[in-house]
N, C-alpha and C. Protein backbone atom coordinates (compact mmCIF):
# COMPACT_ATOMS: atom_id res chain seq x y z
N MET A 1 15.10 -7.41 9.61
CA MET A 1 14.80 -6.00 9.80
C MET A 1 13.36 -5.76 9.41
N THR A 2 12.59 -5.25 10.33
CA THR A 2 11.22 -4.93 10.00
C THR A 2 10.89 -3.49 10.37
N PRO A 3 11.52 -2.43 9.68
CA PRO A 3 11.25 -1.07 9.99
C PRO A 3 9.89 -0.59 9.44
N GLN A 4 9.41 0.18 9.39
CA GLN A 4 8.61 0.71 8.35
C GLN A 4 9.53 1.68 8.15
N LEU A 5 7.53 16.25 -10.82
CA LEU A 5 6.32 15.43 -10.64
C LEU A 5 5.49 15.79 -11.85
N GLY A 6 5.90 15.90 -12.21
CA GLY A 6 5.04 16.21 -13.32
C GLY A 6 3.64 15.72 -13.07
N VAL A 7 2.68 16.31 -13.76
CA VAL A 7 1.29 15.97 -13.50
C VAL A 7 0.61 15.49 -14.76
N LEU A 8 -0.17 14.44 -14.63
CA LEU A 8 -0.98 13.93 -15.72
C LEU A 8 -2.24 14.76 -15.86
N PRO A 9 -3.02 14.59 -16.92
CA PRO A 9 -4.29 15.33 -17.03
C PRO A 9 -5.19 15.05 -15.85
N MET A 10 -6.05 16.01 -15.55
CA MET A 10 -6.96 15.90 -14.42
C MET A 10 -7.95 14.78 -14.66
N LEU A 11 -8.25 14.03 -13.62
CA LEU A 11 -9.29 13.01 -13.65
C LEU A 11 -10.36 13.46 -12.68
N GLY A 12 -11.43 14.02 -13.21
CA GLY A 12 -12.39 14.71 -12.35
C GLY A 12 -11.70 15.94 -11.78
N ASN A 13 -11.69 16.06 -10.47
CA ASN A 13 -10.99 17.16 -9.82
C ASN A 13 -9.66 16.72 -9.24
N HIS A 14 -9.17 15.55 -9.70
CA HIS A 14 -8.02 14.94 -9.04
C HIS A 14 -6.90 14.74 -10.04
N ALA A 15 -5.74 15.29 -9.77
CA ALA A 15 -4.60 15.13 -10.66
C ALA A 15 -3.77 13.95 -10.22
N LEU A 16 -3.37 13.10 -11.18
CA LEU A 16 -2.50 11.97 -10.89
C LEU A 16 -1.07 12.36 -11.18
N LEU A 17 -0.11 11.62 -10.58
CA LEU A 17 1.29 11.97 -10.71
C LEU A 17 2.00 11.01 -11.65
N LEU A 18 3.10 11.48 -12.22
CA LEU A 18 3.88 10.66 -13.12
C LEU A 18 4.58 9.54 -12.37
N SER A 19 5.09 8.59 -13.12
CA SER A 19 5.73 7.40 -12.56
C SER A 19 6.92 7.76 -11.69
N ALA A 20 7.11 6.97 -10.63
CA ALA A 20 8.26 7.18 -9.75
C ALA A 20 9.55 6.73 -10.39
N GLU A 21 9.48 6.10 -11.60
CA GLU A 21 10.71 5.72 -12.28
C GLU A 21 11.50 6.95 -12.75
N ASP A 22 10.85 8.12 -12.85
CA ASP A 22 11.54 9.34 -13.21
C ASP A 22 12.55 9.66 -12.12
N PRO A 23 13.86 9.65 -12.42
CA PRO A 23 14.85 9.83 -11.35
C PRO A 23 14.79 11.20 -10.71
N GLN A 24 14.14 12.18 -11.34
CA GLN A 24 14.10 13.51 -10.76
C GLN A 24 13.04 13.64 -9.68
N ILE A 25 12.18 12.64 -9.50
CA ILE A 25 11.09 12.79 -8.54
C ILE A 25 11.15 11.73 -7.44
N MET A 26 12.28 11.05 -7.29
CA MET A 26 12.40 10.12 -6.17
C MET A 26 12.26 10.92 -4.88
N ALA A 27 11.39 10.48 -4.00
CA ALA A 27 11.01 11.30 -2.85
C ALA A 27 12.16 11.50 -1.87
N MET A 28 12.94 10.44 -1.62
CA MET A 28 13.97 10.57 -0.58
C MET A 28 15.09 9.60 -0.89
N PRO A 29 16.31 10.05 -1.19
CA PRO A 29 17.39 9.12 -1.49
C PRO A 29 17.79 8.31 -0.26
N ALA A 30 18.16 7.07 -0.49
CA ALA A 30 18.60 6.22 0.61
C ALA A 30 19.98 6.65 1.08
N PRO A 31 20.26 6.52 2.38
CA PRO A 31 21.52 7.02 2.93
C PRO A 31 22.72 6.15 2.57
N GLU A 32 22.51 4.91 2.17
CA GLU A 32 23.63 4.06 1.80
C GLU A 32 23.19 3.12 0.69
N THR A 33 24.18 2.59 -0.02
CA THR A 33 23.88 1.76 -1.18
C THR A 33 23.46 0.37 -0.75
N ILE A 34 22.21 0.03 -1.02
CA ILE A 34 21.65 -1.28 -0.73
C ILE A 34 21.08 -1.83 -2.03
N ARG A 35 21.49 -3.03 -2.41
CA ARG A 35 21.06 -3.59 -3.68
C ARG A 35 20.34 -4.93 -3.54
N THR A 36 20.44 -5.59 -2.38
CA THR A 36 19.84 -6.91 -2.23
C THR A 36 18.95 -6.93 -0.99
N ILE A 37 18.04 -7.89 -0.97
CA ILE A 37 17.16 -8.04 0.18
C ILE A 37 17.97 -8.38 1.42
N GLU A 38 19.01 -9.18 1.25
CA GLU A 38 19.84 -9.56 2.39
C GLU A 38 20.50 -8.34 3.02
N GLU A 39 20.99 -7.42 2.20
CA GLU A 39 21.60 -6.18 2.72
C GLU A 39 20.55 -5.32 3.41
N LEU A 40 19.35 -5.28 2.84
CA LEU A 40 18.28 -4.49 3.45
C LEU A 40 17.92 -5.03 4.83
N LEU A 41 17.79 -6.35 4.93
CA LEU A 41 17.39 -6.96 6.20
C LEU A 41 18.48 -6.84 7.26
N ALA A 42 19.72 -6.60 6.84
CA ALA A 42 20.82 -6.47 7.79
C ALA A 42 20.94 -5.08 8.38
N LEU A 43 20.15 -4.12 7.88
CA LEU A 43 20.22 -2.76 8.40
C LEU A 43 19.72 -2.70 9.84
N ASP A 44 20.28 -1.77 10.61
CA ASP A 44 19.76 -1.50 11.94
C ASP A 44 18.40 -0.81 11.82
N ASP A 45 17.55 -1.03 12.80
CA ASP A 45 16.23 -0.40 12.82
C ASP A 45 16.40 1.08 13.18
N ASP A 46 16.04 1.96 12.25
CA ASP A 46 16.17 3.39 12.51
C ASP A 46 14.81 4.08 12.64
N GLY A 47 13.74 3.28 12.70
CA GLY A 47 12.41 3.85 12.87
C GLY A 47 11.75 4.31 11.59
N MET A 48 12.42 4.13 10.45
CA MET A 48 11.84 4.53 9.17
C MET A 48 11.55 3.28 8.33
N ARG A 49 10.76 3.47 7.29
CA ARG A 49 10.39 2.35 6.42
C ARG A 49 11.42 2.22 5.31
N HIS A 50 12.03 1.04 5.21
CA HIS A 50 13.00 0.75 4.16
C HIS A 50 12.40 -0.28 3.21
N GLU A 51 12.45 0.01 1.91
CA GLU A 51 11.94 -0.91 0.91
C GLU A 51 12.95 -1.03 -0.22
N LEU A 52 12.84 -2.11 -0.99
CA LEU A 52 13.68 -2.32 -2.16
C LEU A 52 12.74 -2.51 -3.34
N LEU A 53 12.75 -1.54 -4.26
CA LEU A 53 11.83 -1.55 -5.40
C LEU A 53 12.62 -1.82 -6.67
N ASP A 54 12.57 -3.06 -7.11
CA ASP A 54 13.36 -3.47 -8.29
C ASP A 54 14.83 -3.11 -8.11
N GLY A 55 15.36 -3.40 -6.91
CA GLY A 55 16.77 -3.15 -6.65
C GLY A 55 17.10 -1.74 -6.21
N VAL A 56 16.10 -0.87 -6.10
CA VAL A 56 16.34 0.51 -5.68
C VAL A 56 15.90 0.66 -4.22
N HIS A 57 16.84 1.06 -3.37
CA HIS A 57 16.59 1.22 -1.94
C HIS A 57 15.93 2.58 -1.71
N VAL A 58 14.73 2.59 -1.12
CA VAL A 58 14.05 3.84 -0.81
C VAL A 58 13.69 3.86 0.67
N VAL A 59 13.67 5.06 1.23
CA VAL A 59 13.43 5.25 2.66
C VAL A 59 12.29 6.25 2.84
N THR A 60 11.35 5.92 3.71
CA THR A 60 10.22 6.80 3.97
C THR A 60 10.25 7.23 5.43
N PRO A 61 10.18 8.53 5.70
CA PRO A 61 10.20 9.01 7.09
C PRO A 61 8.90 8.67 7.81
N ALA A 62 8.86 8.98 9.09
CA ALA A 62 7.66 8.72 9.89
C ALA A 62 6.46 9.42 9.27
N PRO A 63 5.29 8.77 9.25
CA PRO A 63 4.11 9.34 8.59
C PRO A 63 3.50 10.49 9.38
N ARG A 64 2.63 11.24 8.68
CA ARG A 64 1.89 12.33 9.31
C ARG A 64 0.81 11.77 10.23
N VAL A 65 0.29 12.63 11.11
CA VAL A 65 -0.78 12.21 12.01
C VAL A 65 -2.01 11.76 11.22
N ALA A 66 -2.37 12.52 10.18
CA ALA A 66 -3.55 12.16 9.38
C ALA A 66 -3.39 10.78 8.77
N HIS A 67 -2.18 10.43 8.38
CA HIS A 67 -1.90 9.11 7.82
C HIS A 67 -2.24 8.02 8.83
N GLN A 68 -1.77 8.18 10.06
CA GLN A 68 -1.99 7.16 11.07
C GLN A 68 -3.45 7.10 11.52
N LEU A 69 -4.12 8.23 11.55
CA LEU A 69 -5.55 8.23 11.88
C LEU A 69 -6.33 7.45 10.84
N MET A 70 -6.02 7.67 9.57
CA MET A 70 -6.73 6.96 8.51
C MET A 70 -6.40 5.48 8.53
N LEU A 71 -5.18 5.14 8.86
CA LEU A 71 -4.79 3.74 8.94
C LEU A 71 -5.61 3.02 10.01
N THR A 72 -5.79 3.68 11.15
CA THR A 72 -6.59 3.10 12.23
C THR A 72 -8.04 2.90 11.80
N GLU A 73 -8.61 3.89 11.15
CA GLU A 73 -10.00 3.80 10.72
C GLU A 73 -10.19 2.74 9.65
N LEU A 74 -9.28 2.67 8.69
CA LEU A 74 -9.39 1.67 7.63
C LEU A 74 -9.25 0.26 8.19
N MET A 75 -8.38 0.09 9.16
CA MET A 75 -8.24 -1.20 9.81
C MET A 75 -9.57 -1.60 10.46
N ARG A 76 -10.22 -0.66 11.13
CA ARG A 76 -11.51 -0.97 11.76
C ARG A 76 -12.55 -1.37 10.73
N VAL A 77 -12.62 -0.63 9.63
CA VAL A 77 -13.60 -0.90 8.58
C VAL A 77 -13.36 -2.28 7.96
N LEU A 78 -12.11 -2.61 7.70
CA LEU A 78 -11.81 -3.90 7.09
C LEU A 78 -12.07 -5.06 8.05
N LEU A 79 -11.79 -4.85 9.31
CA LEU A 79 -12.07 -5.91 10.28
C LEU A 79 -13.56 -6.22 10.34
N GLU A 80 -14.39 -5.19 10.24
CA GLU A 80 -15.83 -5.42 10.22
C GLU A 80 -16.24 -6.23 8.99
N ALA A 81 -15.54 -6.01 7.88
CA ALA A 81 -15.92 -6.66 6.62
C ALA A 81 -15.41 -8.09 6.52
N VAL A 82 -14.17 -8.33 6.92
CA VAL A 82 -13.57 -9.66 6.68
C VAL A 82 -13.14 -10.37 7.95
N GLY A 83 -13.40 -9.77 9.11
CA GLY A 83 -12.97 -10.40 10.35
C GLY A 83 -13.59 -11.76 10.59
N HIS A 84 -14.74 -12.02 9.98
CA HIS A 84 -15.44 -13.29 10.15
C HIS A 84 -15.06 -14.30 9.08
N THR A 85 -14.20 -13.93 8.13
CA THR A 85 -13.81 -14.82 7.02
C THR A 85 -12.55 -15.58 7.40
N PRO A 86 -12.62 -16.90 7.61
CA PRO A 86 -11.46 -17.63 8.12
C PRO A 86 -10.29 -17.70 7.15
N THR A 87 -10.53 -17.46 5.87
CA THR A 87 -9.46 -17.58 4.87
C THR A 87 -8.77 -16.24 4.58
N LEU A 88 -9.10 -15.22 5.35
CA LEU A 88 -8.50 -13.90 5.14
C LEU A 88 -7.95 -13.35 6.44
N ARG A 89 -6.88 -12.57 6.34
CA ARG A 89 -6.34 -11.85 7.47
C ARG A 89 -5.93 -10.45 7.03
N ILE A 90 -5.97 -9.51 7.96
CA ILE A 90 -5.54 -8.14 7.71
C ILE A 90 -4.20 -7.94 8.40
N VAL A 91 -3.24 -7.39 7.68
CA VAL A 91 -1.88 -7.25 8.20
C VAL A 91 -1.43 -5.81 8.05
N LEU A 92 -0.81 -5.28 9.10
CA LEU A 92 -0.23 -3.94 9.11
C LEU A 92 1.28 -4.01 8.95
N SER A 93 1.86 -2.98 8.36
CA SER A 93 3.32 -2.86 8.40
C SER A 93 3.72 -2.32 9.77
N PRO A 94 4.98 -2.59 10.19
CA PRO A 94 6.08 -3.13 9.42
C PRO A 94 5.87 -4.59 9.00
N ALA A 95 6.24 -4.88 7.76
CA ALA A 95 6.10 -6.23 7.21
C ALA A 95 7.05 -6.35 6.03
N ASP A 96 7.84 -7.39 5.99
CA ASP A 96 8.82 -7.58 4.92
C ASP A 96 8.21 -8.50 3.86
N ILE A 97 7.53 -7.92 2.88
CA ILE A 97 6.85 -8.69 1.85
C ILE A 97 7.73 -8.75 0.60
N VAL A 98 8.21 -9.92 0.29
CA VAL A 98 9.10 -10.12 -0.85
C VAL A 98 8.26 -10.46 -2.08
N LEU A 99 8.39 -9.63 -3.12
CA LEU A 99 7.63 -9.83 -4.35
C LEU A 99 8.53 -10.12 -5.55
N GLY A 100 9.80 -10.32 -5.30
CA GLY A 100 10.74 -10.62 -6.37
C GLY A 100 12.14 -10.64 -5.82
N PRO A 101 13.13 -11.08 -6.64
CA PRO A 101 14.50 -11.19 -6.14
C PRO A 101 15.10 -9.86 -5.70
N GLY A 102 14.61 -8.73 -6.24
CA GLY A 102 15.11 -7.43 -5.83
C GLY A 102 14.03 -6.51 -5.32
N THR A 103 12.96 -7.10 -4.79
CA THR A 103 11.81 -6.28 -4.38
C THR A 103 11.27 -6.73 -3.04
N LEU A 104 11.34 -5.85 -2.06
CA LEU A 104 10.75 -6.05 -0.74
C LEU A 104 9.94 -4.81 -0.43
N VAL A 105 8.65 -4.99 -0.16
CA VAL A 105 7.76 -3.85 0.07
C VAL A 105 7.11 -3.94 1.44
N GLN A 106 6.63 -2.80 1.90
CA GLN A 106 5.92 -2.71 3.17
C GLN A 106 4.64 -1.90 2.95
N PRO A 107 3.58 -2.55 2.47
CA PRO A 107 2.32 -1.81 2.32
C PRO A 107 1.85 -1.30 3.68
N ASP A 108 1.18 -0.16 3.68
CA ASP A 108 0.62 0.34 4.93
C ASP A 108 -0.32 -0.68 5.55
N LEU A 109 -1.13 -1.31 4.71
CA LEU A 109 -2.13 -2.28 5.16
C LEU A 109 -2.37 -3.25 4.03
N MET A 110 -2.69 -4.49 4.35
CA MET A 110 -2.96 -5.46 3.30
C MET A 110 -3.94 -6.52 3.78
N VAL A 111 -4.64 -7.09 2.83
CA VAL A 111 -5.48 -8.25 3.08
C VAL A 111 -4.79 -9.43 2.42
N VAL A 112 -4.59 -10.51 3.18
CA VAL A 112 -3.84 -11.66 2.67
C VAL A 112 -4.67 -12.93 2.82
N ALA A 113 -4.37 -13.91 1.97
CA ALA A 113 -4.99 -15.22 2.10
C ALA A 113 -4.40 -15.92 3.32
N PHE A 114 -5.23 -16.73 3.98
CA PHE A 114 -4.82 -17.37 5.23
C PHE A 114 -5.37 -18.79 5.29
N ASP A 115 -4.49 -19.72 5.62
CA ASP A 115 -4.89 -21.11 5.81
C ASP A 115 -4.90 -21.40 7.31
N PRO A 116 -6.09 -21.52 7.92
CA PRO A 116 -6.14 -21.74 9.37
C PRO A 116 -5.39 -22.98 9.83
N GLY A 117 -5.27 -23.97 8.96
CA GLY A 117 -4.56 -25.19 9.33
C GLY A 117 -3.07 -25.10 9.16
N ASN A 118 -2.59 -24.05 8.52
CA ASN A 118 -1.16 -23.91 8.27
C ASN A 118 -0.77 -22.43 8.30
N PRO A 119 -0.87 -21.80 9.47
CA PRO A 119 -0.57 -20.37 9.56
C PRO A 119 0.89 -20.08 9.22
N PRO A 120 1.18 -18.93 8.62
CA PRO A 120 2.56 -18.61 8.23
C PRO A 120 3.44 -18.38 9.45
N SER A 121 4.70 -18.76 9.32
CA SER A 121 5.66 -18.54 10.40
C SER A 121 6.72 -17.51 10.02
N SER A 122 6.67 -17.01 8.79
CA SER A 122 7.62 -15.98 8.35
C SER A 122 6.93 -15.10 7.32
N TRP A 123 7.50 -13.92 7.08
CA TRP A 123 6.91 -13.01 6.11
C TRP A 123 6.93 -13.61 4.71
N ARG A 124 7.94 -14.39 4.39
CA ARG A 124 8.01 -14.99 3.04
C ARG A 124 6.83 -15.92 2.78
N GLU A 125 6.27 -16.49 3.85
CA GLU A 125 5.14 -17.40 3.67
C GLU A 125 3.82 -16.68 3.45
N ILE A 126 3.80 -15.38 3.65
CA ILE A 126 2.58 -14.61 3.42
C ILE A 126 2.21 -14.62 1.94
N GLY A 127 3.21 -14.56 1.09
CA GLY A 127 2.98 -14.53 -0.34
C GLY A 127 2.51 -13.17 -0.82
N VAL A 128 1.85 -13.16 -1.98
CA VAL A 128 1.39 -11.92 -2.58
C VAL A 128 0.08 -11.49 -1.92
N PRO A 129 -0.02 -10.27 -1.42
CA PRO A 129 -1.28 -9.82 -0.83
C PRO A 129 -2.42 -9.84 -1.85
N LEU A 130 -3.63 -10.08 -1.36
CA LEU A 130 -4.80 -9.96 -2.22
C LEU A 130 -5.13 -8.49 -2.46
N VAL A 131 -5.04 -7.71 -1.39
CA VAL A 131 -5.24 -6.26 -1.48
C VAL A 131 -4.04 -5.58 -0.83
N ALA A 132 -3.42 -4.67 -1.54
CA ALA A 132 -2.35 -3.85 -0.98
C ALA A 132 -2.88 -2.42 -0.89
N ILE A 133 -2.63 -1.75 0.23
CA ILE A 133 -3.18 -0.42 0.47
C ILE A 133 -2.05 0.51 0.91
N GLU A 134 -1.97 1.66 0.26
CA GLU A 134 -1.04 2.70 0.66
C GLU A 134 -1.82 3.98 0.92
N ILE A 135 -1.47 4.69 2.00
CA ILE A 135 -2.05 5.99 2.29
C ILE A 135 -1.03 7.02 1.82
N VAL A 136 -1.39 7.73 0.78
CA VAL A 136 -0.42 8.56 0.08
C VAL A 136 -0.06 9.79 0.91
N SER A 137 1.19 10.21 0.78
CA SER A 137 1.68 11.43 1.43
C SER A 137 2.58 12.14 0.43
N PRO A 138 2.93 13.40 0.69
CA PRO A 138 3.83 14.09 -0.23
C PRO A 138 5.14 13.35 -0.45
N ALA A 139 5.63 12.66 0.57
CA ALA A 139 6.91 11.96 0.45
C ALA A 139 6.81 10.68 -0.36
N THR A 140 5.60 10.11 -0.47
CA THR A 140 5.47 8.79 -1.12
C THR A 140 4.61 8.81 -2.37
N ALA A 141 4.02 9.94 -2.73
CA ALA A 141 3.02 9.98 -3.81
C ALA A 141 3.56 9.43 -5.12
N ALA A 142 4.76 9.85 -5.52
CA ALA A 142 5.30 9.41 -6.80
C ALA A 142 5.52 7.90 -6.82
N ARG A 143 6.09 7.37 -5.75
CA ARG A 143 6.33 5.92 -5.70
C ARG A 143 5.03 5.14 -5.64
N ASP A 144 4.10 5.61 -4.78
CA ASP A 144 2.85 4.87 -4.61
C ASP A 144 2.09 4.76 -5.92
N ARG A 145 2.09 5.84 -6.71
CA ARG A 145 1.33 5.84 -7.97
C ARG A 145 2.16 5.34 -9.15
N GLY A 146 3.46 5.21 -8.96
CA GLY A 146 4.33 4.81 -10.05
C GLY A 146 4.89 3.41 -9.89
N SER A 147 6.10 3.31 -9.37
CA SER A 147 6.77 2.02 -9.33
C SER A 147 6.06 1.01 -8.42
N LYS A 148 5.52 1.45 -7.29
CA LYS A 148 4.85 0.48 -6.41
C LYS A 148 3.56 -0.04 -7.02
N ARG A 149 2.82 0.83 -7.70
CA ARG A 149 1.62 0.37 -8.40
C ARG A 149 1.98 -0.72 -9.40
N ARG A 150 2.99 -0.46 -10.21
CA ARG A 150 3.40 -1.45 -11.22
C ARG A 150 3.85 -2.75 -10.56
N ILE A 151 4.64 -2.64 -9.51
CA ILE A 151 5.16 -3.83 -8.83
C ILE A 151 4.03 -4.66 -8.25
N TYR A 152 3.10 -4.02 -7.55
CA TYR A 152 1.99 -4.75 -6.95
C TYR A 152 1.17 -5.50 -8.00
N LEU A 153 0.80 -4.81 -9.06
CA LEU A 153 -0.08 -5.42 -10.05
C LEU A 153 0.63 -6.51 -10.84
N GLU A 154 1.90 -6.30 -11.16
CA GLU A 154 2.65 -7.34 -11.86
C GLU A 154 2.86 -8.57 -10.99
N ALA A 155 2.91 -8.39 -9.68
CA ALA A 155 3.11 -9.52 -8.76
C ALA A 155 1.85 -10.35 -8.58
N GLY A 156 0.68 -9.80 -8.96
CA GLY A 156 -0.56 -10.55 -8.84
C GLY A 156 -1.52 -10.05 -7.78
N VAL A 157 -1.26 -8.86 -7.22
CA VAL A 157 -2.21 -8.26 -6.28
C VAL A 157 -3.54 -8.04 -7.00
N GLU A 158 -4.64 -8.47 -6.38
CA GLU A 158 -5.95 -8.35 -7.03
C GLU A 158 -6.46 -6.91 -7.04
N GLN A 159 -6.23 -6.17 -5.96
CA GLN A 159 -6.64 -4.79 -5.90
C GLN A 159 -5.57 -3.98 -5.17
N TYR A 160 -5.31 -2.81 -5.69
CA TYR A 160 -4.38 -1.89 -5.06
C TYR A 160 -5.13 -0.59 -4.79
N TRP A 161 -5.22 -0.24 -3.50
CA TRP A 161 -5.94 0.97 -3.10
C TRP A 161 -4.93 2.03 -2.67
N ILE A 162 -5.13 3.24 -3.17
CA ILE A 162 -4.36 4.39 -2.72
C ILE A 162 -5.33 5.36 -2.06
N LEU A 163 -5.16 5.59 -0.78
CA LEU A 163 -6.00 6.55 -0.06
C LEU A 163 -5.33 7.92 -0.09
N ASP A 164 -6.02 8.88 -0.67
CA ASP A 164 -5.52 10.25 -0.74
C ASP A 164 -6.22 11.05 0.36
N VAL A 165 -5.48 11.33 1.43
CA VAL A 165 -6.06 12.00 2.59
C VAL A 165 -6.45 13.44 2.26
N ASP A 166 -5.64 14.13 1.47
CA ASP A 166 -5.92 15.52 1.15
C ASP A 166 -7.15 15.65 0.26
N ALA A 167 -7.30 14.76 -0.72
CA ALA A 167 -8.45 14.82 -1.63
C ALA A 167 -9.65 14.05 -1.10
N ARG A 168 -9.44 13.25 -0.05
CA ARG A 168 -10.50 12.44 0.56
C ARG A 168 -11.17 11.52 -0.45
N LEU A 169 -10.35 10.71 -1.09
CA LEU A 169 -10.86 9.74 -2.04
C LEU A 169 -9.93 8.53 -2.08
N VAL A 170 -10.41 7.49 -2.77
CA VAL A 170 -9.63 6.26 -2.95
C VAL A 170 -9.41 6.06 -4.44
N GLU A 171 -8.17 5.79 -4.81
CA GLU A 171 -7.85 5.36 -6.17
C GLU A 171 -7.70 3.84 -6.14
N ARG A 172 -8.51 3.14 -6.92
CA ARG A 172 -8.43 1.68 -6.94
C ARG A 172 -7.91 1.21 -8.29
N TRP A 173 -6.83 0.42 -8.22
CA TRP A 173 -6.24 -0.19 -9.41
C TRP A 173 -6.49 -1.69 -9.36
N GLN A 174 -6.77 -2.28 -10.51
CA GLN A 174 -6.87 -3.71 -10.67
C GLN A 174 -6.07 -4.12 -11.91
N PRO A 175 -5.65 -5.39 -12.01
CA PRO A 175 -4.84 -5.81 -13.16
C PRO A 175 -5.50 -5.43 -14.48
N GLY A 176 -4.69 -4.89 -15.38
CA GLY A 176 -5.18 -4.50 -16.69
C GLY A 176 -5.67 -3.08 -16.79
N ASP A 177 -5.80 -2.39 -15.66
CA ASP A 177 -6.29 -1.01 -15.69
C ASP A 177 -5.23 -0.07 -16.29
N ASP A 178 -5.70 0.83 -17.15
CA ASP A 178 -4.84 1.90 -17.64
C ASP A 178 -4.91 3.13 -16.75
N ARG A 179 -6.03 3.27 -16.07
CA ARG A 179 -6.23 4.38 -15.15
C ARG A 179 -6.97 3.84 -13.93
N PRO A 180 -6.82 4.50 -12.79
CA PRO A 180 -7.50 3.99 -11.60
C PRO A 180 -8.97 4.36 -11.59
N GLU A 181 -9.74 3.60 -10.84
CA GLU A 181 -11.11 3.98 -10.52
C GLU A 181 -11.03 4.98 -9.36
N ILE A 182 -11.60 6.14 -9.53
CA ILE A 182 -11.58 7.18 -8.51
C ILE A 182 -12.89 7.11 -7.73
N ILE A 183 -12.80 6.85 -6.43
CA ILE A 183 -14.00 6.62 -5.62
C ILE A 183 -14.07 7.67 -4.52
N ASP A 184 -15.14 8.46 -4.56
CA ASP A 184 -15.37 9.42 -3.48
C ASP A 184 -16.77 9.24 -2.91
N GLY A 185 -17.38 8.06 -3.17
CA GLY A 185 -18.67 7.70 -2.61
C GLY A 185 -18.54 6.36 -1.90
N VAL A 186 -19.42 5.43 -2.20
CA VAL A 186 -19.37 4.10 -1.60
C VAL A 186 -18.53 3.18 -2.49
N MET A 187 -17.55 2.52 -1.91
CA MET A 187 -16.70 1.59 -2.64
C MET A 187 -17.08 0.16 -2.27
N LYS A 188 -17.52 -0.60 -3.25
CA LYS A 188 -17.81 -2.01 -3.03
C LYS A 188 -16.65 -2.84 -3.56
N TRP A 189 -16.35 -3.94 -2.86
CA TRP A 189 -15.23 -4.77 -3.28
C TRP A 189 -15.49 -6.23 -2.95
N SER A 190 -14.81 -7.11 -3.68
CA SER A 190 -14.88 -8.55 -3.42
C SER A 190 -13.56 -9.17 -3.87
N LEU A 191 -13.24 -10.33 -3.28
CA LEU A 191 -11.99 -11.00 -3.57
C LEU A 191 -12.24 -12.41 -4.08
N SER A 192 -11.25 -12.95 -4.78
CA SER A 192 -11.43 -14.25 -5.43
C SER A 192 -11.55 -15.40 -4.43
N VAL A 193 -10.99 -15.24 -3.23
CA VAL A 193 -11.02 -16.34 -2.26
C VAL A 193 -12.08 -16.12 -1.20
N GLY A 194 -13.00 -15.21 -1.46
CA GLY A 194 -14.03 -14.90 -0.47
C GLY A 194 -13.75 -13.57 0.19
N GLY A 195 -14.77 -13.04 0.77
CA GLY A 195 -14.63 -11.73 1.40
C GLY A 195 -15.20 -10.64 0.53
N VAL A 196 -16.22 -9.99 1.00
CA VAL A 196 -16.84 -8.88 0.29
C VAL A 196 -17.09 -7.76 1.30
N GLY A 197 -17.26 -6.58 0.80
CA GLY A 197 -17.54 -5.48 1.70
C GLY A 197 -17.78 -4.20 0.94
N GLU A 198 -18.11 -3.17 1.66
CA GLU A 198 -18.23 -1.86 1.08
C GLU A 198 -17.80 -0.82 2.10
N ILE A 199 -17.28 0.27 1.59
CA ILE A 199 -16.77 1.34 2.43
C ILE A 199 -17.41 2.65 1.99
N ASP A 200 -18.03 3.34 2.93
CA ASP A 200 -18.52 4.68 2.67
C ASP A 200 -17.33 5.61 2.81
N VAL A 201 -16.72 5.95 1.70
CA VAL A 201 -15.46 6.70 1.71
C VAL A 201 -15.60 8.07 2.38
N PRO A 202 -16.61 8.88 2.05
CA PRO A 202 -16.72 10.18 2.74
C PRO A 202 -16.86 10.06 4.25
N LYS A 203 -17.66 9.09 4.70
CA LYS A 203 -17.85 8.93 6.14
C LYS A 203 -16.57 8.45 6.81
N MET A 204 -15.82 7.59 6.13
CA MET A 204 -14.57 7.10 6.69
C MET A 204 -13.61 8.26 6.94
N PHE A 205 -13.47 9.14 5.97
CA PHE A 205 -12.58 10.30 6.15
C PHE A 205 -13.14 11.25 7.21
N GLU A 206 -14.44 11.44 7.22
CA GLU A 206 -15.04 12.39 8.16
C GLU A 206 -14.86 11.92 9.61
N ARG A 207 -14.97 10.60 9.85
CA ARG A 207 -14.81 10.10 11.22
C ARG A 207 -13.43 10.40 11.78
N MET A 208 -12.43 10.35 10.93
CA MET A 208 -11.07 10.55 11.40
C MET A 208 -10.58 11.98 11.27
N LEU A 209 -11.05 12.69 10.25
CA LEU A 209 -10.50 14.01 9.97
C LEU A 209 -11.47 15.14 10.20
N GLY A 210 -12.71 14.82 10.52
CA GLY A 210 -13.70 15.86 10.73
C GLY A 210 -14.40 16.25 9.43
N GLY A 211 -15.44 17.08 9.55
CA GLY A 211 -16.24 17.46 8.39
C GLY A 211 -15.55 18.51 7.53
């Protein structure tokens, strides 16, 4: 199957949300009890994103137009930066990325390590993404900033980017961070296996969403 609040103190002009582990802020309850990856993969494709976060089945409805516009633009920007790097690939969801015995995630976009001599033949062979990216929405904000952030970083993701379309900024998390880096200017980045780039965040949002 490959488908796709309390508030913390203000950080600049941007408020962060409490962990998605709070049972009162789960964005959308799953329609049926799913506890294992095998049960998740056996579901019929209903056009929505199904994930298993530490054994908790969560469902995300179809994204907003702004979400998909930003996804397209970010894909273009990343292709310009790493498209020439043979050891890296950019992958879009739907994607069944297993990060633990009870955890299957579908990042909106990710940068993964790639061996040209031994390309992966299944999602399990992708391994842990180098960069996991989520474009936050009202339905996913708590999870993206809470349980998914923890899961990604504990699994070994080098950088986790959260694109906030409404605030027009990027929250970047790296292992060991207590708080994200809030970027509303130029974001420079590099990865351990090669690949460097920079993103003019205001221009990226302006191209897709207007001034």
